[in-house]
Amino acid sequence: MDKFYSLSATKKVKTLESELLKELKDLNDEIEDADSILSQGNRPFSSIPLPKDADYFRNERKAAFRKALKVRKAMPIH
């Protein structure tokens, strides 16, 4: 698959990945800021999980693409 198609080769995909990375970083910063403000009281931990990083979503796209490319063998002619 890697010889024929590169998953993150187009300019649009690279732009979208960089936007996703920025949004995830901003969201992570907001969650950490809220946790630091709220942890001064009785709340020792956050119930909000931290967002996954951009590499996680890239690997998920690769796995979905590989799964879509799997083709079953043709049945023999009887």
PDB file of N, CA and C in Angstrom:
ATOM      1  N   MET A   1       0.821  -1.183   0.000  1.00  0.00           N
ATOM      2  CA  MET A   1       0.000   0.000   0.000  1.00  0.00           C
ATOM      3  C   MET A   1       0.867   1.250   0.000  1.00  0.00           C
ATOM      4  N   ASP A   2       1.939   1.262   0.773  1.00  0.00           N
ATOM      5  CA  ASP A   2       2.772   2.452   0.887  1.00  0.00           C
ATOM      6  C   ASP A   2       3.453   2.797  -0.427  1.00  0.00           C
ATOM      7  N   LYS A   3       3.656   1.800  -1.290  1.00  0.00           N
ATOM      8  CA  LYS A   3       4.283   2.053  -2.583  1.00  0.00           C
ATOM      9  C   LYS A   3       3.343   2.819  -3.510  1.00  0.00           C
ATOM     10  N   PHE A   4       2.045   2.575  -3.387  1.00  0.00           N
ATOM     11  CA  PHE A   4       1.090   3.144  -4.318  1.00  0.00           C
ATOM     12  C   PHE A   4       0.392   4.394  -3.800  1.00  0.00           C
ATOM     13  N   TYR A   5       0.227   4.486  -2.495  1.00  0.00           N
ATOM     14  CA  TYR A   5      -0.572   5.584  -1.934  1.00  0.00           C
ATOM     15  C   TYR A   5       0.010   6.009  -0.598  1.00  0.00           C
ATOM     16  N   SER A   6       0.237   7.286  -0.459  1.00  0.00           N
ATOM     17  CA  SER A   6       0.683   7.824   0.820  1.00  0.00           C
ATOM     18  C   SER A   6      -0.503   8.534   1.458  1.00  0.00           C
ATOM     19  N   LEU A   7      -0.837   8.136   2.660  1.00  0.00           N
ATOM     20  CA  LEU A   7      -2.065   8.602   3.297  1.00  0.00           C
ATOM     21  C   LEU A   7      -2.061  10.097   3.573  1.00  0.00           C
ATOM     22  N   SER A   8      -0.944  10.651   3.948  1.00  0.00           N
ATOM     23  CA  SER A   8      -0.889  12.067   4.311  1.00  0.00           C
ATOM     24  C   SER A   8      -0.018  12.867   3.349  1.00  0.00           C
ATOM     25  N   ALA A   9      -0.184  12.623   2.068  1.00  0.00           N
ATOM     26  CA  ALA A   9       0.693  13.261   1.098  1.00  0.00           C
ATOM     27  C   ALA A   9       0.125  14.565   0.536  1.00  0.00           C
ATOM     28  N   THR A  10      -1.178  14.701   0.473  1.00  0.00           N
ATOM     29  CA  THR A  10      -1.743  15.887  -0.166  1.00  0.00           C
ATOM     30  C   THR A  10      -1.637  17.102   0.740  1.00  0.00           C
ATOM     31  N   LYS A  11      -1.641  18.250   0.113  1.00  0.00           N
ATOM     32  CA  LYS A  11      -1.515  19.508   0.853  1.00  0.00           C
ATOM     33  C   LYS A  11      -2.717  19.724   1.774  1.00  0.00           C
ATOM     34  N   LYS A  12      -3.904  19.356   1.290  1.00  0.00           N
ATOM     35  CA  LYS A  12      -5.119  19.535   2.093  1.00  0.00           C
ATOM     36  C   LYS A  12      -5.071  18.677   3.356  1.00  0.00           C
ATOM     37  N   VAL A  13      -4.621  17.437   3.241  1.00  0.00           N
ATOM     38  CA  VAL A  13      -4.543  16.552   4.404  1.00  0.00           C
ATOM     39  C   VAL A  13      -3.526  17.089   5.400  1.00  0.00           C
ATOM     40  N   LYS A  14      -2.383  17.567   4.891  1.00  0.00           N
ATOM     41  CA  LYS A  14      -1.371  18.123   5.784  1.00  0.00           C
ATOM     42  C   LYS A  14      -1.894  19.360   6.498  1.00  0.00           C
ATOM     43  N   THR A  15      -2.649  20.197   5.788  1.00  0.00           N
ATOM     44  CA  THR A  15      -3.234  21.385   6.399  1.00  0.00           C
ATOM     45  C   THR A  15      -4.240  20.988   7.477  1.00  0.00           C
ATOM     46  N   LEU A  16      -5.087  20.018   7.159  1.00  0.00           N
ATOM     47  CA  LEU A  16      -6.084  19.564   8.136  1.00  0.00           C
ATOM     48  C   LEU A  16      -5.419  18.931   9.358  1.00  0.00           C
ATOM     49  N   GLU A  17      -4.332  18.188   9.147  1.00  0.00           N
ATOM     50  CA  GLU A  17      -3.624  17.598  10.280  1.00  0.00           C
ATOM     51  C   GLU A  17      -3.002  18.664  11.171  1.00  0.00           C
ATOM     52  N   SER A  18      -2.451  19.714  10.561  1.00  0.00           N
ATOM     53  CA  SER A  18      -1.859  20.784  11.375  1.00  0.00           C
ATOM     54  C   SER A  18      -2.943  21.543  12.144  1.00  0.00           C
ATOM     55  N   GLU A  19      -4.119  21.738  11.516  1.00  0.00           N
ATOM     56  CA  GLU A  19      -5.233  22.369  12.229  1.00  0.00           C
ATOM     57  C   GLU A  19      -5.709  21.500  13.377  1.00  0.00           C
ATOM     58  N   LEU A  20      -5.791  20.192  13.139  1.00  0.00           N
ATOM     59  CA  LEU A  20      -6.199  19.263  14.195  1.00  0.00           C
ATOM     60  C   LEU A  20      -5.209  19.293  15.347  1.00  0.00           C
ATOM     61  N   LEU A  21      -3.928  19.309  15.030  1.00  0.00           N
ATOM     62  CA  LEU A  21      -2.901  19.360  16.061  1.00  0.00           C
ATOM     63  C   LEU A  21      -3.036  20.626  16.900  1.00  0.00           C
ATOM     64  N   LYS A  22      -3.286  21.762  16.255  1.00  0.00           N
ATOM     65  CA  LYS A  22      -3.460  23.023  16.976  1.00  0.00           C
ATOM     66  C   LYS A  22      -4.710  22.985  17.858  1.00  0.00           C
ATOM     67  N   GLU A  23      -5.824  22.480  17.312  1.00  0.00           N
ATOM     68  CA  GLU A  23      -7.064  22.405  18.083  1.00  0.00           C
ATOM     69  C   GLU A  23      -6.919  21.472  19.283  1.00  0.00           C
ATOM     70  N   LEU A  24      -6.249  20.335  19.091  1.00  0.00           N
ATOM     71  CA  LEU A  24      -6.045  19.412  20.204  1.00  0.00           C
ATOM     72  C   LEU A  24      -5.169  20.025  21.281  1.00  0.00           C
ATOM     73  N   LYS A  25      -4.151  20.768  20.879  1.00  0.00           N
ATOM     74  CA  LYS A  25      -3.283  21.429  21.853  1.00  0.00           C
ATOM     75  C   LYS A  25      -4.059  22.486  22.627  1.00  0.00           C
ATOM     76  N   ASP A  26      -4.880  23.282  21.914  1.00  0.00           N
ATOM     77  CA  ASP A  26      -5.689  24.299  22.584  1.00  0.00           C
ATOM     78  C   ASP A  26      -6.670  23.660  23.567  1.00  0.00           C
ATOM     79  N   LEU A  27      -7.312  22.576  23.143  1.00  0.00           N
ATOM     80  CA  LEU A  27      -8.263  21.886  24.012  1.00  0.00           C
ATOM     81  C   LEU A  27      -7.560  21.307  25.230  1.00  0.00           C
ATOM     82  N   ASN A  28      -6.402  20.724  25.022  1.00  0.00           N
ATOM     83  CA  ASN A  28      -5.627  20.163  26.125  1.00  0.00           C
ATOM     84  C   ASN A  28      -5.233  21.261  27.117  1.00  0.00           C
ATOM     85  N   ASP A  29      -4.812  22.426  26.593  1.00  0.00           N
ATOM     86  CA  ASP A  29      -4.457  23.548  27.461  1.00  0.00           C
ATOM     87  C   ASP A  29      -5.652  24.042  28.269  1.00  0.00           C
ATOM     88  N   GLU A  30      -6.824  24.111  27.624  1.00  0.00           N
ATOM     89  CA  GLU A  30      -8.040  24.542  28.334  1.00  0.00           C
ATOM     90  C   GLU A  30      -8.401  23.580  29.452  1.00  0.00           C
ATOM     91  N   ILE A  31      -8.299  22.282  29.174  1.00  0.00           N
ATOM     92  CA  ILE A  31      -8.632  21.283  30.195  1.00  0.00           C
ATOM     93  C   ILE A  31      -7.660  21.379  31.364  1.00  0.00           C
ATOM     94  N   GLU A  32      -6.375  21.525  31.056  1.00  0.00           N
ATOM     95  CA  GLU A  32      -5.388  21.629  32.131  1.00  0.00           C
ATOM     96  C   GLU A  32      -5.579  22.903  32.943  1.00  0.00           C
ATOM     97  N   ASP A  33      -5.938  24.022  32.294  1.00  0.00           N
ATOM     98  CA  ASP A  33      -6.197  25.264  33.018  1.00  0.00           C
ATOM     99  C   ASP A  33      -7.413  25.120  33.925  1.00  0.00           C
ATOM    100  N   ALA A  34      -8.462  24.498  33.404  1.00  0.00           N
ATOM    101  CA  ALA A  34      -9.668  24.304  34.207  1.00  0.00           C
ATOM    102  C   ALA A  34      -9.377  23.380  35.390  1.00  0.00           C
ATOM    103  N   ASP A  35      -8.572  22.350  35.162  1.00  0.00           N
ATOM    104  CA  ASP A  35      -8.217  21.432  36.246  1.00  0.00           C
ATOM    105  C   ASP A  35      -7.409  22.135  37.319  1.00  0.00           C
ATOM    106  N   SER A  36      -6.495  23.005  36.905  1.00  0.00           N
ATOM    107  CA  SER A  36      -5.677  23.693  37.906  1.00  0.00           C
ATOM    108  C   SER A  36      -6.517  24.662  38.733  1.00  0.00           C
ATOM    109  N   ILE A  37      -7.510  25.283  38.106  1.00  0.00           N
ATOM    110  CA  ILE A  37      -8.388  26.198  38.838  1.00  0.00           C
ATOM    111  C   ILE A  37      -9.301  25.423  39.780  1.00  0.00           C
ATOM    112  N   LEU A  38      -9.877  24.325  39.269  1.00  0.00           N
ATOM    113  CA  LEU A  38     -10.838  23.562  40.071  1.00  0.00           C
ATOM    114  C   LEU A  38     -10.162  22.674  41.117  1.00  0.00           C
ATOM    115  N   SER A  39      -8.898  22.332  40.914  1.00  0.00           N
ATOM    116  CA  SER A  39      -8.250  21.433  41.862  1.00  0.00           C
ATOM    117  C   SER A  39      -7.879  22.133  43.168  1.00  0.00           C
ATOM    118  N   GLN A  40      -8.061  23.439  43.217  1.00  0.00           N
ATOM    119  CA  GLN A  40      -7.795  24.145  44.461  1.00  0.00           C
ATOM    120  C   GLN A  40      -8.832  23.797  45.518  1.00  0.00           C
ATOM    121  N   GLY A  41      -9.986  23.348  45.086  1.00  0.00           N
ATOM    122  CA  GLY A  41     -11.046  22.967  46.016  1.00  0.00           C
ATOM    123  C   GLY A  41     -10.986  21.492  46.345  1.00  0.00           C
ATOM    124  N   ASN A  42     -12.144  20.847  46.321  1.00  0.00           N
ATOM    125  CA  ASN A  42     -12.249  19.444  46.709  1.00  0.00           C
ATOM    126  C   ASN A  42     -12.076  18.482  45.539  1.00  0.00           C
ATOM    127  N   ARG A  43     -11.915  18.980  44.352  1.00  0.00           N
ATOM    128  CA  ARG A  43     -11.883  18.115  43.179  1.00  0.00           C
ATOM    129  C   ARG A  43     -10.446  17.700  42.858  1.00  0.00           C
ATOM    130  N   PRO A  44     -10.064  16.453  43.150  1.00  0.00           N
ATOM    131  CA  PRO A  44      -8.662  16.046  42.965  1.00  0.00           C
ATOM    132  C   PRO A  44      -8.305  15.656  41.533  1.00  0.00           C
ATOM    133  N   PHE A  45      -9.290  15.318  40.688  1.00  0.00           N
ATOM    134  CA  PHE A  45      -8.981  14.894  39.321  1.00  0.00           C
ATOM    135  C   PHE A  45     -10.108  15.305  38.396  1.00  0.00           C
ATOM    136  N   SER A  46      -9.842  15.245  37.118  1.00  0.00           N
ATOM    137  CA  SER A  46     -10.815  15.645  36.114  1.00  0.00           C
ATOM    138  C   SER A  46     -11.619  14.440  35.644  1.00  0.00           C
ATOM    139  N   SER A  47     -12.881  14.657  35.384  1.00  0.00           N
ATOM    140  CA  SER A  47     -13.702  13.605  34.803  1.00  0.00           C
ATOM    141  C   SER A  47     -13.638  13.654  33.285  1.00  0.00           C
ATOM    142  N   ILE A  48     -12.978  14.663  32.742  1.00  0.00           N
ATOM    143  CA  ILE A  48     -12.836  14.816  31.301  1.00  0.00           C
ATOM    144  C   ILE A  48     -11.508  14.203  30.882  1.00  0.00           C
ATOM    145  N   PRO A  49     -11.542  13.208  30.010  1.00  0.00           N
ATOM    146  CA  PRO A  49     -10.270  12.632  29.565  1.00  0.00           C
ATOM    147  C   PRO A  49      -9.540  13.595  28.636  1.00  0.00           C
ATOM    148  N   LEU A  50      -8.223  13.548  28.655  1.00  0.00           N
ATOM    149  CA  LEU A  50      -7.446  14.382  27.756  1.00  0.00           C
ATOM    150  C   LEU A  50      -7.629  13.890  26.326  1.00  0.00           C
ATOM    151  N   PRO A  51      -7.660  14.791  25.352  1.00  0.00           N
ATOM    152  CA  PRO A  51      -7.855  14.356  23.960  1.00  0.00           C
ATOM    153  C   PRO A  51      -6.649  13.587  23.446  1.00  0.00           C
ATOM    154  N   LYS A  52      -6.928  12.710  22.514  1.00  0.00           N
ATOM    155  CA  LYS A  52      -5.848  11.933  21.907  1.00  0.00           C
ATOM    156  C   LYS A  52      -5.044  12.851  20.985  1.00  0.00           C
ATOM    157  N   ASP A  53      -3.825  12.457  20.692  1.00  0.00           N
ATOM    158  CA  ASP A  53      -2.980  13.307  19.852  1.00  0.00           C
ATOM    159  C   ASP A  53      -3.236  13.033  18.366  1.00  0.00           C
ATOM    160  N   ALA A  54      -2.633  13.851  17.504  1.00  0.00           N
ATOM    161  CA  ALA A  54      -2.856  13.755  16.062  1.00  0.00           C
ATOM    162  C   ALA A  54      -2.326  12.445  15.498  1.00  0.00           C
ATOM    163  N   ASP A  55      -1.266  11.899  16.085  1.00  0.00           N
ATOM    164  CA  ASP A  55      -0.719  10.620  15.611  1.00  0.00           C
ATOM    165  C   ASP A  55      -1.725   9.487  15.793  1.00  0.00           C
ATOM    166  N   TYR A  56      -2.499   9.539  16.856  1.00  0.00           N
ATOM    167  CA  TYR A  56      -3.529   8.519  17.087  1.00  0.00           C
ATOM    168  C   TYR A  56      -4.537   8.528  15.937  1.00  0.00           C
ATOM    169  N   PHE A  57      -4.989   9.734  15.549  1.00  0.00           N
ATOM    170  CA  PHE A  57      -5.981   9.827  14.483  1.00  0.00           C
ATOM    171  C   PHE A  57      -5.377   9.451  13.127  1.00  0.00           C
ATOM    172  N   ARG A  58      -4.091   9.732  12.903  1.00  0.00           N
ATOM    173  CA  ARG A  58      -3.420   9.327  11.667  1.00  0.00           C
ATOM    174  C   ARG A  58      -3.359   7.803  11.589  1.00  0.00           C
ATOM    175  N   ASN A  59      -3.035   7.160  12.707  1.00  0.00           N
ATOM    176  CA  ASN A  59      -2.992   5.694  12.725  1.00  0.00           C
ATOM    177  C   ASN A  59      -4.373   5.091  12.532  1.00  0.00           C
ATOM    178  N   GLU A  60      -5.393   5.739  13.069  1.00  0.00           N
ATOM    179  CA  GLU A  60      -6.764   5.257  12.866  1.00  0.00           C
ATOM    180  C   GLU A  60      -7.154   5.344  11.390  1.00  0.00           C
ATOM    181  N   ARG A  61      -6.785   6.438  10.716  1.00  0.00           N
ATOM    182  CA  ARG A  61      -7.066   6.575   9.286  1.00  0.00           C
ATOM    183  C   ARG A  61      -6.333   5.508   8.489  1.00  0.00           C
ATOM    184  N   LYS A  62      -5.067   5.241   8.841  1.00  0.00           N
ATOM    185  CA  LYS A  62      -4.309   4.213   8.138  1.00  0.00           C
ATOM    186  C   LYS A  62      -4.958   2.847   8.309  1.00  0.00           C
ATOM    187  N   ALA A  63      -5.390   2.542   9.529  1.00  0.00           N
ATOM    188  CA  ALA A  63      -6.024   1.242   9.784  1.00  0.00           C
ATOM    189  C   ALA A  63      -7.326   1.112   9.001  1.00  0.00           C
ATOM    190  N   ALA A  64      -8.116   2.186   8.959  1.00  0.00           N
ATOM    191  CA  ALA A  64      -9.377   2.142   8.213  1.00  0.00           C
ATOM    192  C   ALA A  64      -9.116   2.006   6.717  1.00  0.00           C
ATOM    193  N   PHE A  65      -8.077   2.679   6.226  1.00  0.00           N
ATOM    194  CA  PHE A  65      -7.749   2.600   4.806  1.00  0.00           C
ATOM    195  C   PHE A  65      -7.266   1.200   4.447  1.00  0.00           C
ATOM    196  N   ARG A  66      -6.419   0.615   5.290  1.00  0.00           N
ATOM    197  CA  ARG A  66      -5.937  -0.748   5.027  1.00  0.00           C
ATOM    198  C   ARG A  66      -7.087  -1.746   5.055  1.00  0.00           C
ATOM    199  N   LYS A  67      -8.016  -1.543   5.976  1.00  0.00           N
ATOM    200  CA  LYS A  67      -9.175  -2.435   6.065  1.00  0.00           C
ATOM    201  C   LYS A  67     -10.037  -2.318   4.810  1.00  0.00           C
ATOM    202  N   ALA A  68     -10.182  -1.085   4.296  1.00  0.00           N
ATOM    203  CA  ALA A  68     -10.980  -0.887   3.094  1.00  0.00           C
ATOM    204  C   ALA A  68     -10.312  -1.492   1.862  1.00  0.00           C
ATOM    205  N   LEU A  69      -8.987  -1.579   1.867  1.00  0.00           N
ATOM    206  CA  LEU A  69      -8.268  -2.127   0.710  1.00  0.00           C
ATOM    207  C   LEU A  69      -8.245  -3.650   0.669  1.00  0.00           C
ATOM    208  N   LYS A  70      -8.593  -4.294   1.770  1.00  0.00           N
ATOM    209  CA  LYS A  70      -8.579  -5.749   1.772  1.00  0.00           C
ATOM    210  C   LYS A  70      -9.677  -6.274   0.857  1.00  0.00           C
ATOM    211  N   VAL A  71      -9.277  -7.133  -0.026  1.00  0.00           N
ATOM    212  CA  VAL A  71     -10.215  -7.724  -0.978  1.00  0.00           C
ATOM    213  C   VAL A  71     -10.137  -9.227  -0.833  1.00  0.00           C
ATOM    214  N   ARG A  72     -11.271  -9.837  -0.775  1.00  0.00           N
ATOM    215  CA  ARG A  72     -11.286 -11.288  -0.669  1.00  0.00           C
ATOM    216  C   ARG A  72     -10.861 -11.901  -1.999  1.00  0.00           C
ATOM    217  N   LYS A  73     -10.370 -13.116  -1.922  1.00  0.00           N
ATOM    218  CA  LYS A  73      -9.971 -13.806  -3.149  1.00  0.00           C
ATOM    219  C   LYS A  73     -11.202 -14.142  -3.980  1.00  0.00           C
ATOM    220  N   ALA A  74     -10.995 -14.137  -5.267  1.00  0.00           N
ATOM    221  CA  ALA A  74     -12.099 -14.495  -6.155  1.00  0.00           C
ATOM    222  C   ALA A  74     -12.398 -15.987  -6.033  1.00  0.00           C
ATOM    223  N   MET A  75     -13.628 -16.315  -6.126  1.00  0.00           N
ATOM    224  CA  MET A  75     -14.035 -17.719  -6.064  1.00  0.00           C
ATOM    225  C   MET A  75     -13.616 -18.409  -7.365  1.00  0.00           C
ATOM    226  N   PRO A  76     -13.184 -19.643  -7.265  1.00  0.00           N
ATOM    227  CA  PRO A  76     -12.818 -20.359  -8.506  1.00  0.00           C
ATOM    228  C   PRO A  76     -14.049 -20.621  -9.367  1.00  0.00           C
ATOM    229  N   ILE A  77     -13.815 -20.667 -10.662  1.00  0.00           N
ATOM    230  CA  ILE A  77     -14.920 -20.914 -11.606  1.00  0.00           C
ATOM    231  C   ILE A  77     -15.214 -22.400 -11.588  1.00  0.00           C
ATOM    232  N   HIS A  78     -16.496 -22.724 -11.459  1.00  0.00           N
ATOM    233  CA  HIS A  78     -16.927 -24.130 -11.400  1.00  0.00           C
ATOM    234  C   HIS A  78     -17.283 -24.629 -12.772  1.00  0.00           C
TER     235      HIS A  78
END
